Amino acid sequence: MPRPLPASYLPLYLVTDTLLSTPRTVPDVVAAAVAGGATCVQVRDKHAGGRDLLTLLVAVAEAVGDRVPVLVDDRVDVYLAAREQGAPVHGVHVGQSDLPAGLVRSVVGPDAVVGLSAATAEQFAVAHALPPGTVDYLGVGAVHATATKPDHPTPLGVDGFARLAGASALPCVAIGGIDAADAAPLRRAGAAGIAVVSALCAAPDPAEAARSLLGAWNSWAPGEDPVPGLPVRAFRARC
């Protein structure tokens, strides 16, 4: 399948959490969130072994993979195994301690989505030094402190996110303790999308929560009132 354009899948990016989804199943939560407007799904379960993560990834992909891109966190091997099984999975998101993004791209090929976490100016510089097309987007955060990733970097806040995103030629997705109240400020700050965990996985009604988040995201459009000092090119790059 051809690699999708970031603008088509980044606005409301769901990162799964198995514990927060209980007693429902992760595929059921994901399907409801996608029905409500989630535009991308990253399957993440730090406690699952390879076999269990593969089973979960395939189940999620079979539930929604024909409607939105489905990525897996960290595990290039699990992505490749799912593809070998014929599951409609679309790529991998890697962090700073995972396989280097350039190597990931060479392994997964040109049609896969590759996302990369970045939280400092130095990490942004390394990402931008990669050959064009290596990385599709950057996951930037934590914007706020979050219990779903206890080892997150020092929170950036919206202003810190804006400083990093404004200098980036790559689309930047904000992550870390984000709820509907953050959506418009982060879009105004140059975000290409918001990545959420608790706001959807812990919601009593994931479909309604997704509609609320997407509505908040769409309540502001680039070009209305840019943040003072944020380069105009940052907004153009995300439109």
Protein backbone atom coordinates (compact mmCIF):
# COMPACT_ATOMS: atom_id res chain seq x y z
CA MET A 1 0.00 0.00 0.00
CA PRO A 2 1.36 3.49 -0.78
CA ARG A 3 2.63 5.63 2.08
CA PRO A 4 -0.13 8.06 3.15
CA LEU A 5 0.48 11.79 3.43
CA PRO A 6 0.96 12.97 7.03
CA ALA A 7 -1.75 15.64 6.76
CA SER A 8 -4.29 12.87 6.17
CA TYR A 9 -3.63 10.94 9.38
CA LEU A 10 -1.97 13.16 12.00
CA PRO A 11 -4.78 15.41 13.33
CA LEU A 12 -6.16 12.99 15.96
CA TYR A 13 -3.61 10.29 16.67
CA LEU A 14 -4.59 7.55 19.14
CA VAL A 15 -1.90 5.71 21.10
CA THR A 16 -3.33 2.58 22.69
CA ASP A 17 -3.07 1.56 26.34
CA THR A 18 -4.22 -1.93 27.22
CA LEU A 19 -4.73 -1.29 30.94
CA LEU A 20 -6.71 1.92 30.43
CA SER A 21 -8.93 0.17 27.90
CA THR A 22 -9.98 -2.54 30.38
CA PRO A 23 -12.55 -4.08 30.71
CA ARG A 24 -13.08 -3.39 27.03
CA THR A 25 -10.68 -4.79 24.45
CA VAL A 26 -8.17 -2.54 22.73
CA PRO A 27 -9.63 -3.28 19.25
CA ASP A 28 -13.10 -2.32 20.51
CA VAL A 29 -11.83 0.98 21.96
CA VAL A 30 -9.90 1.70 18.78
CA ALA A 31 -12.88 0.93 16.54
CA ALA A 32 -15.09 3.26 18.56
CA ALA A 33 -12.49 6.06 18.53
CA VAL A 34 -12.04 5.74 14.77
CA ALA A 35 -15.80 5.84 14.29
CA GLY A 36 -15.75 9.12 16.22
CA GLY A 37 -12.99 10.64 14.12
CA ALA A 38 -9.57 9.36 15.23
CA THR A 39 -7.32 9.56 12.19
CA CYS A 40 -4.43 7.24 13.11
CA VAL A 41 -3.68 4.47 15.62
CA GLN A 42 -0.37 3.55 17.19
CA VAL A 43 -0.49 0.19 18.97
CA ARG A 44 1.64 0.49 22.11
CA ASP A 45 1.99 -2.02 24.93
CA LYS A 46 5.35 -1.88 26.70
CA HIS A 47 4.51 -4.96 28.78
CA ALA A 48 3.56 -7.29 25.93
CA GLY A 49 5.98 -9.81 24.51
CA GLY A 50 6.50 -10.07 20.78
CA ARG A 51 3.89 -12.77 20.21
CA ASP A 52 1.20 -10.96 22.21
CA LEU A 53 1.99 -7.61 20.61
CA LEU A 54 1.73 -9.17 17.16
CA THR A 55 -1.66 -10.63 18.03
CA LEU A 56 -2.84 -7.24 19.31
CA LEU A 57 -1.49 -5.35 16.29
CA VAL A 58 -3.14 -7.70 13.83
CA ALA A 59 -6.47 -7.50 15.72
CA VAL A 60 -6.40 -3.70 15.69
CA ALA A 61 -5.41 -3.60 12.03
CA GLU A 62 -8.20 -5.95 11.09
CA ALA A 63 -10.66 -3.77 13.01
CA VAL A 64 -9.73 -0.41 11.45
CA GLY A 65 -6.78 -0.78 9.09
CA ASP A 66 -8.85 -0.12 6.01
CA ARG A 67 -9.99 3.24 7.41
CA VAL A 68 -6.95 4.79 9.12
CA PRO A 69 -3.21 4.01 9.25
CA VAL A 70 -2.20 1.56 11.98
CA LEU A 71 1.35 1.79 13.34
CA VAL A 72 3.21 -0.16 16.01
CA ASP A 73 5.38 1.38 18.70
CA ASP A 74 9.09 0.48 18.68
CA ARG A 75 8.92 -3.05 17.28
CA VAL A 76 10.08 -3.16 13.67
CA ASP A 77 10.11 -6.96 13.86
CA VAL A 78 6.45 -7.06 14.90
CA TYR A 79 5.53 -4.68 12.06
CA LEU A 80 7.29 -6.95 9.56
CA ALA A 81 5.66 -10.05 11.01
CA ALA A 82 2.20 -8.47 10.77
CA ARG A 83 2.83 -7.51 7.16
CA GLU A 84 4.00 -11.06 6.46
CA GLN A 85 0.64 -12.26 7.78
CA GLY A 86 -1.15 -9.89 5.40
CA ALA A 87 -2.43 -7.49 8.07
CA PRO A 88 -3.09 -3.91 6.89
CA VAL A 89 -0.46 -2.24 9.08
CA HIS A 90 1.22 0.92 7.84
CA GLY A 91 4.41 1.54 9.78
CA VAL A 92 6.40 2.04 12.95
CA HIS A 93 6.98 4.78 15.50
CA VAL A 94 10.39 4.71 17.17
CA GLY A 95 11.88 6.56 20.11
CA GLN A 96 15.34 7.90 20.79
CA SER A 97 16.50 4.64 22.40
CA ASP A 98 15.12 2.39 19.67
CA LEU A 99 16.69 1.45 16.34
CA PRO A 100 18.02 4.51 14.45
CA ALA A 101 15.42 5.99 12.13
CA GLY A 102 17.65 5.65 9.07
CA LEU A 103 18.08 1.94 9.71
CA VAL A 104 14.35 1.54 10.33
CA ARG A 105 13.58 3.13 6.97
CA SER A 106 16.01 0.81 5.18
CA VAL A 107 14.36 -2.21 6.82
CA VAL A 108 10.68 -1.29 6.39
CA GLY A 109 11.04 0.13 2.89
CA PRO A 110 9.75 3.24 1.13
CA ASP A 111 6.01 2.62 1.54
CA ALA A 112 5.91 2.37 5.34
CA VAL A 113 5.22 5.28 7.70
CA VAL A 114 8.13 6.01 10.06
CA GLY A 115 7.55 8.32 13.01
CA LEU A 116 10.22 9.47 15.45
CA SER A 117 9.98 10.88 18.98
CA ALA A 118 11.94 14.09 19.59
CA ALA A 119 11.94 16.44 22.56
CA THR A 120 15.04 18.63 22.32
CA ALA A 121 16.66 20.94 19.80
CA GLU A 122 19.53 18.46 19.49
CA GLN A 123 17.18 15.61 18.65
CA PHE A 124 15.40 17.80 16.10
CA ALA A 125 18.75 18.63 14.49
CA VAL A 126 19.59 14.94 14.13
CA ALA A 127 16.18 14.21 12.62
CA HIS A 128 16.51 17.04 10.11
CA ALA A 129 19.96 15.84 9.08
CA LEU A 130 18.51 12.53 7.87
CA PRO A 131 17.93 12.11 4.12
CA PRO A 132 14.55 13.50 3.01
CA GLY A 133 11.81 10.92 3.32
CA THR A 134 13.47 8.97 6.12
CA VAL A 135 11.02 10.22 8.75
CA ASP A 136 7.41 11.18 8.05
CA TYR A 137 6.67 13.08 11.25
CA LEU A 138 7.99 13.85 14.72
CA GLY A 139 6.17 13.01 17.94
CA VAL A 140 7.00 15.91 20.25
CA GLY A 141 6.53 15.91 24.01
CA ALA A 142 5.73 15.45 26.66
CA VAL A 143 3.67 18.63 26.46
CA HIS A 144 2.35 17.97 29.96
CA ALA A 145 3.30 15.42 32.60
CA THR A 146 1.53 12.11 32.01
CA ALA A 147 1.22 8.90 33.98
CA THR A 148 0.95 6.80 30.82
CA LYS A 149 4.68 7.30 30.15
CA PRO A 150 6.44 7.84 33.49
CA ASP A 151 9.88 8.17 31.85
CA HIS A 152 8.83 11.08 29.64
CA PRO A 153 11.18 14.06 29.21
CA THR A 154 10.66 17.28 31.15
CA PRO A 155 7.29 18.70 30.03
CA LEU A 156 7.58 21.32 27.30
CA GLY A 157 4.29 23.13 27.76
CA VAL A 158 2.58 24.66 24.76
CA ASP A 159 5.22 27.40 24.47
CA GLY A 160 8.07 24.89 24.47
CA PHE A 161 6.29 22.82 21.85
CA ALA A 162 5.80 25.95 19.72
CA ARG A 163 9.52 26.76 19.81
CA LEU A 164 10.47 23.31 18.57
CA ALA A 165 7.68 22.88 16.03
CA GLY A 166 8.16 26.37 14.63
CA ALA A 167 11.71 25.53 13.59
CA SER A 168 10.84 22.15 12.08
CA ALA A 169 10.41 21.26 8.43
CA LEU A 170 8.80 17.98 9.52
CA PRO A 171 5.18 17.76 10.73
CA CYS A 172 5.07 17.68 14.53
CA VAL A 173 2.49 15.79 16.58
CA ALA A 174 2.06 16.94 20.18
CA ILE A 175 1.85 14.23 22.85
CA GLY A 176 1.71 14.08 26.63
CA GLY A 177 -1.28 14.68 28.87
CA ILE A 178 -3.33 16.30 26.11
CA ASP A 179 -7.09 16.84 26.32
CA ALA A 180 -9.65 18.80 24.33
CA ALA A 181 -8.67 22.10 25.97
CA ASP A 182 -5.17 21.76 24.50
CA ALA A 183 -6.23 21.05 20.92
CA ALA A 184 -6.73 24.58 19.56
CA PRO A 185 -3.73 26.10 21.42
CA LEU A 186 -1.47 23.35 20.10
CA ARG A 187 -2.74 23.73 16.56
CA ARG A 188 -2.18 27.45 16.90
CA ALA A 189 1.35 26.64 18.11
CA GLY A 190 2.11 24.76 14.89
CA ALA A 191 1.08 21.19 15.67
CA ALA A 192 0.13 18.94 12.77
CA GLY A 193 -1.91 16.86 15.17
CA ILE A 194 -2.46 15.77 18.75
CA ALA A 195 -1.60 12.31 20.05
CA VAL A 196 -3.71 11.13 22.96
CA VAL A 197 -3.80 8.09 25.21
CA SER A 198 -5.97 8.56 28.31
CA ALA A 199 -8.34 11.01 26.62
CA LEU A 200 -9.59 8.16 24.41
CA CYS A 201 -8.57 4.87 26.04
CA ALA A 202 -9.99 5.83 29.45
CA ALA A 203 -13.07 7.59 28.07
CA PRO A 204 -16.44 5.99 28.89
CA ASP A 205 -17.45 6.64 25.28
CA PRO A 206 -14.36 6.70 23.00
CA ALA A 207 -16.42 7.68 19.96
CA GLU A 208 -17.89 10.73 21.66
CA ALA A 209 -14.49 11.63 23.13
CA ALA A 210 -12.95 11.47 19.66
CA ARG A 211 -15.68 13.72 18.25
CA SER A 212 -15.03 16.22 21.03
CA LEU A 213 -11.26 16.21 20.49
CA LEU A 214 -11.57 16.52 16.73
CA GLY A 215 -14.13 19.31 17.11
CA ALA A 216 -11.74 21.18 19.40
CA TRP A 217 -8.92 20.65 16.90
CA ASN A 218 -11.06 21.97 14.06
CA SER A 219 -12.19 25.00 16.06
CA TRP A 220 -9.05 26.82 14.93
CA ALA A 221 -7.49 26.79 11.49
CA PRO A 222 -3.96 27.83 10.44
CA GLY A 223 -3.86 31.40 9.24
CA GLU A 224 -6.35 32.80 11.73
CA ASP A 225 -4.06 34.16 14.44
CA PRO A 226 -0.52 32.72 14.42
CA VAL A 227 1.49 32.74 17.62
CA PRO A 228 3.73 35.83 17.72
CA GLY A 229 7.23 34.91 16.61
CA LEU A 230 6.27 31.54 15.07
CA PRO A 231 7.52 31.40 11.46
CA VAL A 232 4.79 31.50 8.85
CA ARG A 233 6.45 28.62 7.02
CA ALA A 234 5.65 26.38 9.99
CA PHE A 235 1.95 26.84 9.29
CA ARG A 236 2.33 26.37 5.54
CA ALA A 237 4.19 23.10 6.10
CA ARG A 238 1.31 21.69 8.07
CA CYS A 239 -1.59 22.68 5.82
